[in-house]
C-alpha atoms as a PDB file:
ATOM      1  CA  MET A   1      -6.245  13.226   2.766  1.00  0.00           C
ATOM      2  CA  LYS A   2      -7.955  10.563   0.667  1.00  0.00           C
ATOM      3  CA  ARG A   3      -9.932  13.265  -1.087  1.00  0.00           C
ATOM      4  CA  ILE A   4      -6.714  15.143  -1.856  1.00  0.00           C
ATOM      5  CA  ILE A   5      -5.103  12.070  -3.443  1.00  0.00           C
ATOM      6  CA  LEU A   6      -8.267  11.212  -5.417  1.00  0.00           C
ATOM      7  CA  GLY A   7      -8.451  14.820  -6.618  1.00  0.00           C
ATOM      8  CA  ALA A   8      -4.824  14.689  -7.698  1.00  0.00           C
ATOM      9  CA  CYS A   9      -5.429  11.487  -9.637  1.00  0.00           C
ATOM     10  CA  ALA A  10      -8.409  13.093 -11.356  1.00  0.00           C
ATOM     11  CA  LEU A  11      -6.196  16.059 -12.286  1.00  0.00           C
ATOM     12  CA  PHE A  12      -3.740  13.676 -13.899  1.00  0.00           C
ATOM     13  CA  GLY A  13      -6.477  12.175 -16.020  1.00  0.00           C
ATOM     14  CA  LEU A  14      -7.865  15.518 -17.159  1.00  0.00           C
ATOM     15  CA  SER A  15      -4.427  16.899 -17.937  1.00  0.00           C
ATOM     16  CA  ALA A  16      -3.453  13.761 -19.858  1.00  0.00           C
ATOM     17  CA  THR A  17      -6.595  13.960 -21.964  1.00  0.00           C
ATOM     18  CA  ALA A  18      -6.067  17.601 -22.744  1.00  0.00           C
ATOM     19  CA  GLN A  19      -2.397  17.322 -23.718  1.00  0.00           C
ATOM     20  CA  ALA A  20      -1.643  15.289 -26.846  1.00  0.00           C
ATOM     21  CA  GLN A  21       2.061  15.787 -26.291  1.00  0.00           C
ATOM     22  CA  MET A  22       2.238  13.938 -22.973  1.00  0.00           C
ATOM     23  CA  SER A  23       5.204  11.635 -22.362  1.00  0.00           C
ATOM     24  CA  ILE A  24       5.229   8.617 -20.067  1.00  0.00           C
ATOM     25  CA  GLY A  25       8.347   7.220 -18.464  1.00  0.00           C
ATOM     26  CA  ILE A  26       9.787   5.048 -15.735  1.00  0.00           C
ATOM     27  CA  GLU A  27      12.329   5.938 -13.053  1.00  0.00           C
ATOM     28  CA  ALA A  28      14.239   4.298 -10.233  1.00  0.00           C
ATOM     29  CA  GLY A  29      16.804   5.392  -7.692  1.00  0.00           C
ATOM     30  CA  ALA A  30      18.176   5.454  -4.163  1.00  0.00           C
ATOM     31  CA  THR A  31      17.118   7.567  -1.183  1.00  0.00           C
ATOM     32  CA  TYR A  32      18.476   8.721   2.147  1.00  0.00           C
ATOM     33  CA  ASN A  33      15.795   8.972   4.805  1.00  0.00           C
ATOM     34  CA  THR A  34      15.460  10.441   8.273  1.00  0.00           C
ATOM     35  CA  LEU A  35      12.627  10.145  10.759  1.00  0.00           C
ATOM     36  CA  THR A  36      12.690  12.150  13.977  1.00  0.00           C
ATOM     37  CA  GLN A  37      11.661  10.148  17.031  1.00  0.00           C
ATOM     38  CA  VAL A  38      10.303  11.857  20.093  1.00  0.00           C
ATOM     39  CA  ILE A  39       8.807   9.096  22.253  1.00  0.00           C
ATOM     40  CA  ASN A  40       7.273   9.652  25.677  1.00  0.00           C
ATOM     41  CA  GLY A  41       8.792  13.106  25.827  1.00  0.00           C
ATOM     42  CA  VAL A  42      12.347  11.976  24.989  1.00  0.00           C
ATOM     43  CA  ASP A  43      13.950  13.455  21.881  1.00  0.00           C
ATOM     44  CA  ARG A  44      16.083  10.606  20.591  1.00  0.00           C
ATOM     45  CA  ASP A  45      19.201  10.774  18.461  1.00  0.00           C
ATOM     46  CA  THR A  46      18.366   9.076  15.181  1.00  0.00           C
ATOM     47  CA  GLU A  47      20.409   7.457  12.422  1.00  0.00           C
ATOM     48  CA  GLY A  48      19.286   7.909   8.819  1.00  0.00           C
ATOM     49  CA  GLN A  49      19.071   5.000   6.395  1.00  0.00           C
ATOM     50  CA  VAL A  50      19.233   4.224   2.686  1.00  0.00           C
ATOM     51  CA  GLY A  51      16.122   3.182   0.767  1.00  0.00           C
ATOM     52  CA  ALA A  52      14.977   2.620  -2.806  1.00  0.00           C
ATOM     53  CA  ARG A  53      12.259   4.066  -5.037  1.00  0.00           C
ATOM     54  CA  GLY A  54      10.777   3.353  -8.440  1.00  0.00           C
ATOM     55  CA  GLY A  55       7.677   4.036 -10.465  1.00  0.00           C
ATOM     56  CA  ILE A  56       6.108   5.817 -13.416  1.00  0.00           C
ATOM     57  CA  ILE A  57       6.226   9.521 -14.386  1.00  0.00           C
ATOM     58  CA  PHE A  58       4.138  11.703 -16.700  1.00  0.00           C
ATOM     59  CA  ASN A  59       5.375  14.858 -18.444  1.00  0.00           C
ATOM     60  CA  ILE A  60       2.611  17.242 -19.587  1.00  0.00           C
ATOM     61  CA  PRO A  61       3.581  20.503 -21.333  1.00  0.00           C
ATOM     62  CA  LEU A  62       1.496  23.508 -20.310  1.00  0.00           C
ATOM     63  CA  GLY A  63       1.115  24.946 -23.785  1.00  0.00           C
ATOM     64  CA  GLU A  64       2.868  24.876 -27.166  1.00  0.00           C
ATOM     65  CA  SER A  65       6.668  25.338 -26.922  1.00  0.00           C
ATOM     66  CA  SER A  66       6.244  26.121 -23.209  1.00  0.00           C
ATOM     67  CA  ARG A  67       9.115  25.841 -20.770  1.00  0.00           C
ATOM     68  CA  PHE A  68       6.649  24.918 -18.004  1.00  0.00           C
ATOM     69  CA  HIS A  69       5.515  21.324 -17.564  1.00  0.00           C
ATOM     70  CA  LEU A  70       3.445  19.348 -15.074  1.00  0.00           C
ATOM     71  CA  GLN A  71       5.140  16.177 -13.865  1.00  0.00           C
ATOM     72  CA  PRO A  72       3.073  13.892 -11.615  1.00  0.00           C
ATOM     73  CA  SER A  73       4.583  10.559 -10.583  1.00  0.00           C
ATOM     74  CA  LEU A  74       3.367   7.403  -8.884  1.00  0.00           C
ATOM     75  CA  ILE A  75       6.283   5.991  -6.869  1.00  0.00           C
ATOM     76  CA  TYR A  76       6.781   2.992  -4.625  1.00  0.00           C
ATOM     77  CA  ASP A  77       9.144   3.986  -1.840  1.00  0.00           C
ATOM     78  CA  ALA A  78      10.834   1.264   0.265  1.00  0.00           C
ATOM     79  CA  GLY A  79      13.022   1.675   3.309  1.00  0.00           C
ATOM     80  CA  SER A  80      12.028   5.036   4.718  1.00  0.00           C
ATOM     81  CA  GLY A  81      12.446   5.546   8.457  1.00  0.00           C
ATOM     82  CA  SER A  82      15.326   5.647  10.896  1.00  0.00           C
ATOM     83  CA  LYS A  83      17.046   3.947  13.842  1.00  0.00           C
ATOM     84  CA  SER A  84      17.142   5.297  17.371  1.00  0.00           C
ATOM     85  CA  ASP A  85      18.769   4.152  20.616  1.00  0.00           C
ATOM     86  CA  TYR A  86      17.763   5.386  24.084  1.00  0.00           C
ATOM     87  CA  SER A  87      19.111   4.423  27.488  1.00  0.00           C
ATOM     88  CA  SER A  88      18.700   5.697  31.023  1.00  0.00           C
ATOM     89  CA  GLN A  89      19.913   4.868  34.509  1.00  0.00           C
ATOM     90  CA  THR A  90      17.937   5.652  37.670  1.00  0.00           C
ATOM     91  CA  ALA A  91      17.649   4.274  41.213  1.00  0.00           C
ATOM     92  CA  THR A  92      14.855   3.135  43.449  1.00  0.00           C
ATOM     93  CA  GLY A  93      14.091   4.865  46.751  1.00  0.00           C
ATOM     94  CA  SER A  94      16.417   2.430  48.495  1.00  0.00           C
ATOM     95  CA  GLY A  95      19.256   3.202  46.094  1.00  0.00           C
ATOM     96  CA  VAL A  96      19.028   0.059  43.930  1.00  0.00           C
ATOM     97  CA  PRO A  97      20.154   0.954  40.368  1.00  0.00           C
ATOM     98  CA  VAL A  98      17.692   0.487  37.511  1.00  0.00           C
ATOM     99  CA  TYR A  99      18.944   0.593  33.920  1.00  0.00           C
ATOM    100  CA  GLU A 100      16.906   0.450  30.697  1.00  0.00           C
ATOM    101  CA  ARG A 101      17.625   0.568  26.972  1.00  0.00           C
ATOM    102  CA  ASP A 102      15.217   0.909  24.061  1.00  0.00           C
ATOM    103  CA  MET A 103      16.341   0.497  20.437  1.00  0.00           C
ATOM    104  CA  ARG A 104      13.818   1.070  17.624  1.00  0.00           C
ATOM    105  CA  HIS A 105      14.284   0.642  13.877  1.00  0.00           C
ATOM    106  CA  TYR A 106      11.443   1.795  11.617  1.00  0.00           C
ATOM    107  CA  ARG A 107      11.419   0.596   7.997  1.00  0.00           C
ATOM    108  CA  ILE A 108       8.487   2.228   6.184  1.00  0.00           C
ATOM    109  CA  ASN A 109       7.118   1.316   2.753  1.00  0.00           C
ATOM    110  CA  GLN A 110       4.909   3.899   1.040  1.00  0.00           C
ATOM    111  CA  VAL A 111       3.228   4.857  -2.208  1.00  0.00           C
ATOM    112  CA  ASN A 112       4.190   8.448  -3.043  1.00  0.00           C
ATOM    113  CA  LEU A 113       2.434  10.913  -5.327  1.00  0.00           C
ATOM    114  CA  PRO A 114       4.710  13.930  -6.021  1.00  0.00           C
ATOM    115  CA  ILE A 115       3.339  16.590  -8.375  1.00  0.00           C
ATOM    116  CA  TYR A 116       6.003  18.920  -9.761  1.00  0.00           C
ATOM    117  CA  LEU A 117       5.596  22.138 -11.691  1.00  0.00           C
ATOM    118  CA  VAL A 118       8.791  21.918 -13.770  1.00  0.00           C
ATOM    119  CA  TYR A 119      10.687  24.659 -15.608  1.00  0.00           C
ATOM    120  CA  LYS A 120      12.973  23.444 -18.394  1.00  0.00           C
ATOM    121  CA  PHE A 121      15.875  25.707 -19.308  1.00  0.00           C
ATOM    122  CA  GLY A 122      16.858  26.499 -22.881  1.00  0.00           C
ATOM    123  CA  ASP A 123      14.813  26.764 -26.045  1.00  0.00           C
ATOM    124  CA  PRO A 124      11.877  24.326 -26.350  1.00  0.00           C
ATOM    125  CA  ILE A 125      12.452  23.865 -30.076  1.00  0.00           C
ATOM    126  CA  TYR A 126      16.238  23.669 -30.459  1.00  0.00           C
ATOM    127  CA  ASP A 127      17.709  22.566 -27.116  1.00  0.00           C
ATOM    128  CA  GLU A 128      17.572  18.775 -27.094  1.00  0.00           C
ATOM    129  CA  ASN A 129      19.558  18.533 -23.828  1.00  0.00           C
ATOM    130  CA  HIS A 130      18.556  20.774 -20.916  1.00  0.00           C
ATOM    131  CA  PHE A 131      18.516  21.337 -17.168  1.00  0.00           C
ATOM    132  CA  PHE A 132      15.226  21.454 -15.304  1.00  0.00           C
ATOM    133  CA  ILE A 133      13.999  22.449 -11.883  1.00  0.00           C
ATOM    134  CA  GLY A 134      10.664  21.659 -10.219  1.00  0.00           C
ATOM    135  CA  LEU A 135       8.635  22.318  -7.072  1.00  0.00           C
ATOM    136  CA  GLY A 136       5.389  20.918  -5.790  1.00  0.00           C
ATOM    137  CA  PRO A 137       3.413  18.954  -3.188  1.00  0.00           C
ATOM    138  CA  SER A 138       3.994  15.327  -2.308  1.00  0.00           C
ATOM    139  CA  PHE A 139       1.391  12.920  -0.895  1.00  0.00           C
ATOM    140  CA  SER A 140       2.227   9.601   0.782  1.00  0.00           C
ATOM    141  CA  TYR A 141       0.270   6.533   1.827  1.00  0.00           C
ATOM    142  CA  THR A 142       1.888   3.925   4.123  1.00  0.00           C
ATOM    143  CA  VAL A 143       1.364   0.414   2.801  1.00  0.00           C
ATOM    144  CA  GLY A 144       3.567  -1.547   5.253  1.00  0.00           C
ATOM    145  CA  GLY A 145       7.002  -2.022   6.705  1.00  0.00           C
ATOM    146  CA  ARG A 146       8.578  -3.384   9.877  1.00  0.00           C
ATOM    147  CA  LEU A 147       9.356  -2.198  13.363  1.00  0.00           C
ATOM    148  CA  HIS A 148      12.290  -3.859  15.123  1.00  0.00           C
ATOM    149  CA  GLN A 149      12.361  -3.034  18.829  1.00  0.00           C
ATOM    150  CA  ILE A 150      14.799  -4.330  21.418  1.00  0.00           C
ATOM    151  CA  TYR A 151      13.903  -3.308  24.950  1.00  0.00           C
ATOM    152  CA  SER A 152      16.075  -4.266  27.941  1.00  0.00           C
ATOM    153  CA  ASN A 153      16.069  -3.406  31.623  1.00  0.00           C
ATOM    154  CA  TRP A 154      18.277  -4.389  34.549  1.00  0.00           C
ATOM    155  CA  PHE A 155      17.026  -4.555  38.109  1.00  0.00           C
ATOM    156  CA  ASN A 156      18.790  -6.173  41.063  1.00  0.00           C
ATOM    157  CA  GLY A 157      21.375  -7.543  38.673  1.00  0.00           C
ATOM    158  CA  ARG A 158      18.818  -9.317  36.538  1.00  0.00           C
ATOM    159  CA  GLU A 159      18.345  -8.522  32.851  1.00  0.00           C
ATOM    160  CA  ARG A 160      15.045  -8.795  30.976  1.00  0.00           C
ATOM    161  CA  THR A 161      15.027  -8.325  27.188  1.00  0.00           C
ATOM    162  CA  LYS A 162      12.230  -8.239  24.614  1.00  0.00           C
ATOM    163  CA  ASP A 163      13.256  -8.493  20.945  1.00  0.00           C
ATOM    164  CA  ASN A 164      10.376  -7.947  18.505  1.00  0.00           C
ATOM    165  CA  ASP A 165      10.749  -7.592  14.743  1.00  0.00           C
ATOM    166  CA  LEU A 166       7.198  -7.455  13.379  1.00  0.00           C
ATOM    167  CA  PRO A 167       5.188  -5.919  10.516  1.00  0.00           C
ATOM    168  CA  ILE A 168       4.169  -2.347  11.220  1.00  0.00           C
ATOM    169  CA  ASN A 169       0.600  -1.754  12.361  1.00  0.00           C
ATOM    170  CA  VAL A 170      -0.583   1.202  10.258  1.00  0.00           C
ATOM    171  CA  GLY A 171      -3.082   3.664  11.708  1.00  0.00           C
ATOM    172  CA  GLU A 172      -3.771   5.802  14.777  1.00  0.00           C
ATOM    173  CA  GLY A 173      -4.219   4.685  18.369  1.00  0.00           C
ATOM    174  CA  THR A 174      -2.586   2.791  21.213  1.00  0.00           C
ATOM    175  CA  TYR A 175      -1.830  -0.428  19.301  1.00  0.00           C
ATOM    176  CA  LYS A 176      -0.578   1.184  16.112  1.00  0.00           C
ATOM    177  CA  ASP A 177       2.975   2.019  15.021  1.00  0.00           C
ATOM    178  CA  TYR A 178       2.743   4.577  12.195  1.00  0.00           C
ATOM    179  CA  LYS A 179       0.053   6.734  10.615  1.00  0.00           C
ATOM    180  CA  GLU A 180      -1.284   6.187   7.079  1.00  0.00           C
ATOM    181  CA  PHE A 181      -1.215   9.558   5.291  1.00  0.00           C
ATOM    182  CA  ASN A 182       1.423  12.241   4.985  1.00  0.00           C
ATOM    183  CA  VAL A 183       1.794  15.437   2.942  1.00  0.00           C
ATOM    184  CA  GLY A 184       4.896  17.459   2.211  1.00  0.00           C
ATOM    185  CA  ALA A 185       6.705  19.779  -0.183  1.00  0.00           C
ATOM    186  CA  SER A 186       9.314  18.546  -2.635  1.00  0.00           C
ATOM    187  CA  VAL A 187      11.907  20.137  -4.896  1.00  0.00           C
ATOM    188  CA  THR A 188      13.774  18.495  -7.794  1.00  0.00           C
ATOM    189  CA  LEU A 189      16.735  19.451  -9.978  1.00  0.00           C
ATOM    190  CA  GLY A 190      18.048  17.485 -12.939  1.00  0.00           C
ATOM    191  CA  TYR A 191      19.251  17.152 -16.510  1.00  0.00           C
ATOM    192  CA  GLU A 192      17.479  15.558 -19.482  1.00  0.00           C
ATOM    193  CA  PHE A 193      19.223  14.164 -22.555  1.00  0.00           C
ATOM    194  CA  LYS A 194      17.999  13.892 -26.171  1.00  0.00           C
ATOM    195  CA  PRO A 195      17.000  10.183 -26.120  1.00  0.00           C
ATOM    196  CA  GLY A 196      14.661  10.792 -23.144  1.00  0.00           C
ATOM    197  CA  ILE A 197      17.080   9.729 -20.402  1.00  0.00           C
ATOM    198  CA  TYR A 198      17.242  12.007 -17.369  1.00  0.00           C
ATOM    199  CA  VAL A 199      19.022  12.199 -14.004  1.00  0.00           C
ATOM    200  CA  LYS A 200      17.594  14.169 -11.097  1.00  0.00           C
ATOM    201  CA  GLY A 201      17.894  14.740  -7.386  1.00  0.00           C
ATOM    202  CA  HIS A 202      15.042  15.519  -5.026  1.00  0.00           C
ATOM    203  CA  TYR A 203      14.410  16.625  -1.447  1.00  0.00           C
ATOM    204  CA  THR A 204      11.070  16.154   0.313  1.00  0.00           C
ATOM    205  CA  TYR A 205      10.076  17.626   3.682  1.00  0.00           C
ATOM    206  CA  ASN A 206       6.941  16.114   5.161  1.00  0.00           C
ATOM    207  CA  PHE A 207       4.706  18.208   7.420  1.00  0.00           C
ATOM    208  CA  LEU A 208       2.594  15.769   9.429  1.00  0.00           C
ATOM    209  CA  ASN A 209       3.337  14.058  12.752  1.00  0.00           C
ATOM    210  CA  MET A 210       3.264  10.360  11.893  1.00  0.00           C
ATOM    211  CA  HIS A 211       3.298   9.032  15.463  1.00  0.00           C
ATOM    212  CA  PRO A 212       0.064   7.048  16.096  1.00  0.00           C
ATOM    213  CA  LEU A 213      -0.375   8.925  19.427  1.00  0.00           C
ATOM    214  CA  ALA A 214       0.578  12.326  18.064  1.00  0.00           C
ATOM    215  CA  SER A 215       1.249  15.001  20.705  1.00  0.00           C
ATOM    216  CA  SER A 216       4.019  17.283  21.867  1.00  0.00           C
ATOM    217  CA  LYS A 217       5.551  14.237  23.637  1.00  0.00           C
ATOM    218  CA  ASN A 218       5.205  11.847  20.686  1.00  0.00           C
ATOM    219  CA  GLU A 219       6.442  13.096  17.363  1.00  0.00           C
ATOM    220  CA  MET A 220       7.714  11.529  14.123  1.00  0.00           C
ATOM    221  CA  GLN A 221       8.560  13.667  11.135  1.00  0.00           C
ATOM    222  CA  ALA A 222       9.964  12.227   7.912  1.00  0.00           C
ATOM    223  CA  MET A 223      12.386  13.769   5.431  1.00  0.00           C
ATOM    224  CA  GLN A 224      13.985  12.314   2.308  1.00  0.00           C
ATOM    225  CA  ALA A 225      16.696  13.118  -0.266  1.00  0.00           C
ATOM    226  CA  GLY A 226      17.291  10.983  -3.318  1.00  0.00           C
ATOM    227  CA  LEU A 227      18.961  10.468  -6.679  1.00  0.00           C
ATOM    228  CA  THR A 228      16.941   9.040  -9.579  1.00  0.00           C
ATOM    229  CA  VAL A 229      17.561   7.896 -13.156  1.00  0.00           C
ATOM    230  CA  GLY A 230      14.630   7.781 -15.597  1.00  0.00           C
ATOM    231  CA  PHE A 231      13.597   7.342 -19.184  1.00  0.00           C
ATOM    232  CA  PHE A 232      10.679   8.739 -21.217  1.00  0.00           C
ATOM    233  CA  PHE A 233       9.431   6.157 -23.723  1.00  0.00           C
ATOM    234  CA  LYS A 234       7.819   8.791 -25.942  1.00  0.00           C
ATOM    235  CA  LYS A 235       9.597  12.044 -26.615  1.00  0.00           C
ATOM    236  CA  PHE A 236       7.395  14.833 -27.908  1.00  0.00           C
ATOM    237  CA  GLU A 237       6.716  14.537 -31.601  1.00  0.00           C
ATOM    238  CA  ARG A 238       6.611  18.228 -32.308  1.00  0.00           C
ATOM    239  CA  TYR A 239       8.752  19.693 -29.560  1.00  0.00           C
ATOM    240  CA  LYS A 240      12.049  18.318 -28.223  1.00  0.00           C
ATOM    241  CA  TYR A 241      10.819  19.124 -24.723  1.00  0.00           C
END
């Protein structure tokens, strides 16, 4: 995965050098995130949550007066994840009831690298305002976050509760909470105005199981939808696109 991200960064540099008409911009917005939680073979009901994103974007035309553009971005994404709540009631061999409850709230912070191949509608020379649509891969690297877990059990009328709200341990293995790298597919749809301002929505479906003990009994899969506002500092000098 590291090689993929490094290769993508190299592609940005080569493309930027080759295209004199490149534009650079900034963008920020809100996201709605879900993270499936299958833990110890139990498929939990999850609650999505709102997050925020912001970063820089590059627009590189793929030829003179072309409707196709390459748009890589480097985005900081905060607040991905979900909440889940699980409870069960059993009994010992002598019939004594045993009750347990496990609440987990994942808040994931990542650096995202989406790379869109964008098609801009209208005429590249005369249409200053236009719709656009894009599709491409998205790469993510987890840089931190928090895991809030409240675990309670009742036995013989006595309750024991553990309440931990700690930074996430990133990596794979028994004492980790969430994996580092993820890869997905993303689609975007938006509208760009003459001054360089644009509004767009996006949806990203990530493919990898992010549980640190990934198996059929331990699965975490992230998805995200979002709305973003951005601005290109430099519109193309020769073409309005």
